[in-house]
Amino acid sequence: MRKVIGWSILLCSCVLVFVGAAAAQGVGSSGNMGGVVTDSSGALLPNVKVTIADPQTGLQRSVTTDASGRFQAIALPPATYNVTVQHEGFQTELRRGVVVGVGATVVSDFKMKVSQVSVEVEVSEARLPHLHIADAGCKQFQHDRG
């Protein structure tokens, strides 16, 4: 009887160890990335598009910063990523080689610069009316202050 109880306890212990090990493998097979996006003065930037891309596999995930300028991407496969942040009115920022390991949380903060505004004005040659100097005279204009 004691042998049966002993073997039962040993068997249950082995089963629990194997089940625990299997569950731990599923939990620890990915990593996370997060950070804060600010402008050059340190002000938090909401609604910034953050794209996390693995150039080796083509995996790409996009997230958006919250009202506090924070972003988070969870359950990323371990890899080396390129991270791009984009927001209207700011220069696109690219950070290459961000390594995410198993069970790790990588912090990758960005400080965005205001984009340079360029205005292009096109001037074309316009035909101006001919001015006849002989017909030009001084005219007096009266301003109505009514």
C-alpha atoms as a PDB file:
ATOM      1  CA  MET A   1       0.000   0.000   0.000  1.00  0.00           C
ATOM      2  CA  ARG A   2       2.811   2.385   0.851  1.00  0.00           C
ATOM      3  CA  LYS A   3       4.511   1.603  -2.472  1.00  0.00           C
ATOM      4  CA  VAL A   4       1.332   2.474  -4.404  1.00  0.00           C
ATOM      5  CA  ILE A   5       0.957   5.794  -2.568  1.00  0.00           C
ATOM      6  CA  GLY A   6       4.649   6.569  -3.121  1.00  0.00           C
ATOM      7  CA  TRP A   7       4.431   5.843  -6.846  1.00  0.00           C
ATOM      8  CA  SER A   8       1.232   7.896  -7.120  1.00  0.00           C
ATOM      9  CA  ILE A   9       2.891  10.896  -5.483  1.00  0.00           C
ATOM     10  CA  LEU A  10       5.939  10.527  -7.733  1.00  0.00           C
ATOM     11  CA  LEU A  11       3.758  10.265 -10.847  1.00  0.00           C
ATOM     12  CA  CYS A  12       1.683  13.327  -9.884  1.00  0.00           C
ATOM     13  CA  SER A  13       4.853  15.318  -9.202  1.00  0.00           C
ATOM     14  CA  CYS A  14       6.288  14.443 -12.614  1.00  0.00           C
ATOM     15  CA  VAL A  15       3.057  15.403 -14.363  1.00  0.00           C
ATOM     16  CA  LEU A  16       2.962  18.770 -12.556  1.00  0.00           C
ATOM     17  CA  VAL A  17       6.590  19.505 -13.480  1.00  0.00           C
ATOM     18  CA  PHE A  18       6.002  18.750 -17.173  1.00  0.00           C
ATOM     19  CA  VAL A  19       2.735  20.715 -17.302  1.00  0.00           C
ATOM     20  CA  GLY A  20       4.394  23.697 -15.596  1.00  0.00           C
ATOM     21  CA  ALA A  21       7.331  23.612 -18.005  1.00  0.00           C
ATOM     22  CA  ALA A  22       5.026  23.492 -21.026  1.00  0.00           C
ATOM     23  CA  ALA A  23       2.984  26.446 -19.753  1.00  0.00           C
ATOM     24  CA  ALA A  24       6.125  28.488 -19.076  1.00  0.00           C
ATOM     25  CA  GLN A  25       7.338  27.984 -22.645  1.00  0.00           C
ATOM     26  CA  GLY A  26       4.185  29.532 -24.092  1.00  0.00           C
ATOM     27  CA  VAL A  27       4.393  32.594 -21.839  1.00  0.00           C
ATOM     28  CA  GLY A  28       8.054  33.331 -22.460  1.00  0.00           C
ATOM     29  CA  SER A  29       8.262  33.046 -26.237  1.00  0.00           C
ATOM     30  CA  SER A  30       7.835  36.746 -27.019  1.00  0.00           C
ATOM     31  CA  GLY A  31       8.861  40.211 -25.928  1.00  0.00           C
ATOM     32  CA  ASN A  32       7.372  43.687 -25.722  1.00  0.00           C
ATOM     33  CA  MET A  33       8.289  47.162 -26.912  1.00  0.00           C
ATOM     34  CA  GLY A  34       7.088  50.505 -25.639  1.00  0.00           C
ATOM     35  CA  GLY A  35       8.099  54.101 -25.325  1.00  0.00           C
ATOM     36  CA  VAL A  36       7.130  57.757 -25.290  1.00  0.00           C
ATOM     37  CA  VAL A  37       7.092  60.117 -28.273  1.00  0.00           C
ATOM     38  CA  THR A  38       7.727  63.832 -27.683  1.00  0.00           C
ATOM     39  CA  ASP A  39       8.528  66.862 -29.792  1.00  0.00           C
ATOM     40  CA  SER A  40      11.870  68.681 -29.569  1.00  0.00           C
ATOM     41  CA  SER A  41      10.632  70.765 -26.610  1.00  0.00           C
ATOM     42  CA  GLY A  42       9.601  67.653 -24.665  1.00  0.00           C
ATOM     43  CA  ALA A  43       5.834  68.010 -25.198  1.00  0.00           C
ATOM     44  CA  LEU A  44       4.020  64.666 -25.442  1.00  0.00           C
ATOM     45  CA  LEU A  45       2.710  63.762 -28.904  1.00  0.00           C
ATOM     46  CA  PRO A  46      -0.573  61.829 -29.118  1.00  0.00           C
ATOM     47  CA  ASN A  47      -1.781  59.987 -32.239  1.00  0.00           C
ATOM     48  CA  VAL A  48       1.687  59.278 -33.622  1.00  0.00           C
ATOM     49  CA  LYS A  49       1.861  56.220 -35.877  1.00  0.00           C
ATOM     50  CA  VAL A  50       4.570  53.808 -34.711  1.00  0.00           C
ATOM     51  CA  THR A  51       5.480  51.012 -37.129  1.00  0.00           C
ATOM     52  CA  ILE A  52       7.577  48.088 -35.905  1.00  0.00           C
ATOM     53  CA  ALA A  53       8.986  45.985 -38.748  1.00  0.00           C
ATOM     54  CA  ASP A  54      11.185  42.885 -38.904  1.00  0.00           C
ATOM     55  CA  PRO A  55      13.103  43.168 -42.192  1.00  0.00           C
ATOM     56  CA  GLN A  56      14.074  39.468 -42.064  1.00  0.00           C
ATOM     57  CA  THR A  57      10.530  38.059 -41.978  1.00  0.00           C
ATOM     58  CA  GLY A  58       8.465  40.983 -43.269  1.00  0.00           C
ATOM     59  CA  LEU A  59       6.414  41.065 -40.042  1.00  0.00           C
ATOM     60  CA  GLN A  60       5.039  44.548 -39.499  1.00  0.00           C
ATOM     61  CA  ARG A  61       2.910  45.900 -36.685  1.00  0.00           C
ATOM     62  CA  SER A  62       1.565  49.447 -36.293  1.00  0.00           C
ATOM     63  CA  VAL A  63       0.357  51.066 -33.090  1.00  0.00           C
ATOM     64  CA  THR A  64      -0.626  54.639 -32.204  1.00  0.00           C
ATOM     65  CA  THR A  65       0.483  56.707 -29.246  1.00  0.00           C
ATOM     66  CA  ASP A  66      -2.156  57.495 -26.619  1.00  0.00           C
ATOM     67  CA  ALA A  67      -3.000  60.934 -25.174  1.00  0.00           C
ATOM     68  CA  SER A  68       0.184  60.742 -23.066  1.00  0.00           C
ATOM     69  CA  GLY A  69       2.405  60.058 -26.088  1.00  0.00           C
ATOM     70  CA  ARG A  70       2.952  56.437 -25.008  1.00  0.00           C
ATOM     71  CA  PHE A  71       2.925  53.392 -27.262  1.00  0.00           C
ATOM     72  CA  GLN A  72       3.113  49.687 -26.513  1.00  0.00           C
ATOM     73  CA  ALA A  73       3.434  46.628 -28.712  1.00  0.00           C
ATOM     74  CA  ILE A  74       3.111  43.332 -26.874  1.00  0.00           C
ATOM     75  CA  ALA A  75       3.844  39.722 -27.825  1.00  0.00           C
ATOM     76  CA  LEU A  76       6.473  40.505 -30.465  1.00  0.00           C
ATOM     77  CA  PRO A  77       8.483  37.514 -31.671  1.00  0.00           C
ATOM     78  CA  PRO A  78      12.171  37.790 -30.711  1.00  0.00           C
ATOM     79  CA  ALA A  79      13.915  39.644 -33.551  1.00  0.00           C
ATOM     80  CA  THR A  80      15.789  42.768 -34.569  1.00  0.00           C
ATOM     81  CA  TYR A  81      13.292  45.440 -35.597  1.00  0.00           C
ATOM     82  CA  ASN A  82      13.251  48.755 -37.445  1.00  0.00           C
ATOM     83  CA  VAL A  83      10.947  51.256 -35.742  1.00  0.00           C
ATOM     84  CA  THR A  84       9.450  54.203 -37.613  1.00  0.00           C
ATOM     85  CA  VAL A  85       7.437  57.061 -36.094  1.00  0.00           C
ATOM     86  CA  GLN A  86       5.309  59.340 -38.293  1.00  0.00           C
ATOM     87  CA  HIS A  87       3.154  62.358 -37.483  1.00  0.00           C
ATOM     88  CA  GLU A  88       1.890  65.199 -39.649  1.00  0.00           C
ATOM     89  CA  GLY A  89       4.059  68.301 -39.344  1.00  0.00           C
ATOM     90  CA  PHE A  90       7.089  66.334 -38.099  1.00  0.00           C
ATOM     91  CA  GLN A  91      10.022  64.600 -39.743  1.00  0.00           C
ATOM     92  CA  THR A  92       9.673  60.817 -39.951  1.00  0.00           C
ATOM     93  CA  GLU A  93      12.092  59.143 -37.545  1.00  0.00           C
ATOM     94  CA  LEU A  94      13.610  55.703 -38.182  1.00  0.00           C
ATOM     95  CA  ARG A  95      15.512  53.644 -35.621  1.00  0.00           C
ATOM     96  CA  ARG A  96      17.195  50.493 -36.942  1.00  0.00           C
ATOM     97  CA  GLY A  97      18.387  47.477 -35.013  1.00  0.00           C
ATOM     98  CA  VAL A  98      16.059  47.461 -31.988  1.00  0.00           C
ATOM     99  CA  VAL A  99      16.509  44.005 -30.464  1.00  0.00           C
ATOM    100  CA  VAL A 100      13.548  42.370 -28.708  1.00  0.00           C
ATOM    101  CA  GLY A 101      14.402  39.243 -26.751  1.00  0.00           C
ATOM    102  CA  VAL A 102      12.287  36.549 -25.125  1.00  0.00           C
ATOM    103  CA  GLY A 103      10.547  37.897 -22.021  1.00  0.00           C
ATOM    104  CA  ALA A 104      12.128  41.343 -22.446  1.00  0.00           C
ATOM    105  CA  THR A 105      10.417  44.732 -22.549  1.00  0.00           C
ATOM    106  CA  VAL A 106      12.405  47.165 -24.674  1.00  0.00           C
ATOM    107  CA  VAL A 107      11.934  50.904 -24.134  1.00  0.00           C
ATOM    108  CA  SER A 108      12.444  52.990 -27.260  1.00  0.00           C
ATOM    109  CA  ASP A 109      11.620  56.687 -26.781  1.00  0.00           C
ATOM    110  CA  PHE A 110      11.532  59.157 -29.686  1.00  0.00           C
ATOM    111  CA  LYS A 111      11.996  62.934 -29.887  1.00  0.00           C
ATOM    112  CA  MET A 112      10.497  64.190 -33.151  1.00  0.00           C
ATOM    113  CA  LYS A 113      11.675  67.288 -35.016  1.00  0.00           C
ATOM    114  CA  VAL A 114       9.328  69.728 -36.726  1.00  0.00           C
ATOM    115  CA  SER A 115       9.484  69.254 -40.482  1.00  0.00           C
ATOM    116  CA  GLN A 116      10.875  72.012 -42.615  1.00  0.00           C
ATOM    117  CA  VAL A 117       8.131  73.889 -44.365  1.00  0.00           C
ATOM    118  CA  SER A 118       8.841  74.588 -47.976  1.00  0.00           C
ATOM    119  CA  VAL A 119       6.639  76.672 -50.157  1.00  0.00           C
ATOM    120  CA  GLU A 120       6.935  76.572 -53.907  1.00  0.00           C
ATOM    121  CA  VAL A 121       5.662  79.579 -55.806  1.00  0.00           C
ATOM    122  CA  GLU A 122       5.408  79.327 -59.550  1.00  0.00           C
ATOM    123  CA  VAL A 123       5.425  82.575 -61.470  1.00  0.00           C
ATOM    124  CA  SER A 124       4.561  82.479 -65.109  1.00  0.00           C
ATOM    125  CA  GLU A 125       5.029  85.263 -67.578  1.00  0.00           C
ATOM    126  CA  ALA A 126       1.790  87.140 -67.852  1.00  0.00           C
ATOM    127  CA  ARG A 127       0.861  89.438 -70.664  1.00  0.00           C
ATOM    128  CA  LEU A 128       0.466  92.908 -69.331  1.00  0.00           C
ATOM    129  CA  PRO A 129      -1.592  95.521 -71.153  1.00  0.00           C
ATOM    130  CA  HIS A 130       0.399  98.096 -73.055  1.00  0.00           C
ATOM    131  CA  LEU A 131       0.537 101.437 -71.350  1.00  0.00           C
ATOM    132  CA  HIS A 132       0.441 104.438 -73.624  1.00  0.00           C
ATOM    133  CA  ILE A 133       2.356 107.214 -71.958  1.00  0.00           C
ATOM    134  CA  ALA A 134       0.820 109.854 -74.190  1.00  0.00           C
ATOM    135  CA  ASP A 135      -2.625 108.919 -72.885  1.00  0.00           C
ATOM    136  CA  ALA A 136      -1.561 108.833 -69.256  1.00  0.00           C
ATOM    137  CA  GLY A 137      -2.472 111.812 -67.254  1.00  0.00           C
ATOM    138  CA  CYS A 138      -2.882 112.706 -63.661  1.00  0.00           C
ATOM    139  CA  LYS A 139      -6.266 111.960 -62.304  1.00  0.00           C
ATOM    140  CA  GLN A 140      -7.439 113.096 -58.975  1.00  0.00           C
ATOM    141  CA  PHE A 141      -9.285 110.598 -56.816  1.00  0.00           C
ATOM    142  CA  GLN A 142     -11.705 111.715 -54.251  1.00  0.00           C
ATOM    143  CA  HIS A 143     -12.159 109.531 -51.204  1.00  0.00           C
ATOM    144  CA  ASP A 144     -15.722 109.240 -50.051  1.00  0.00           C
ATOM    145  CA  ARG A 145     -15.749 109.313 -46.242  1.00  0.00           C
ATOM    146  CA  GLY A 146     -19.403 108.560 -46.003  1.00  0.00           C
END
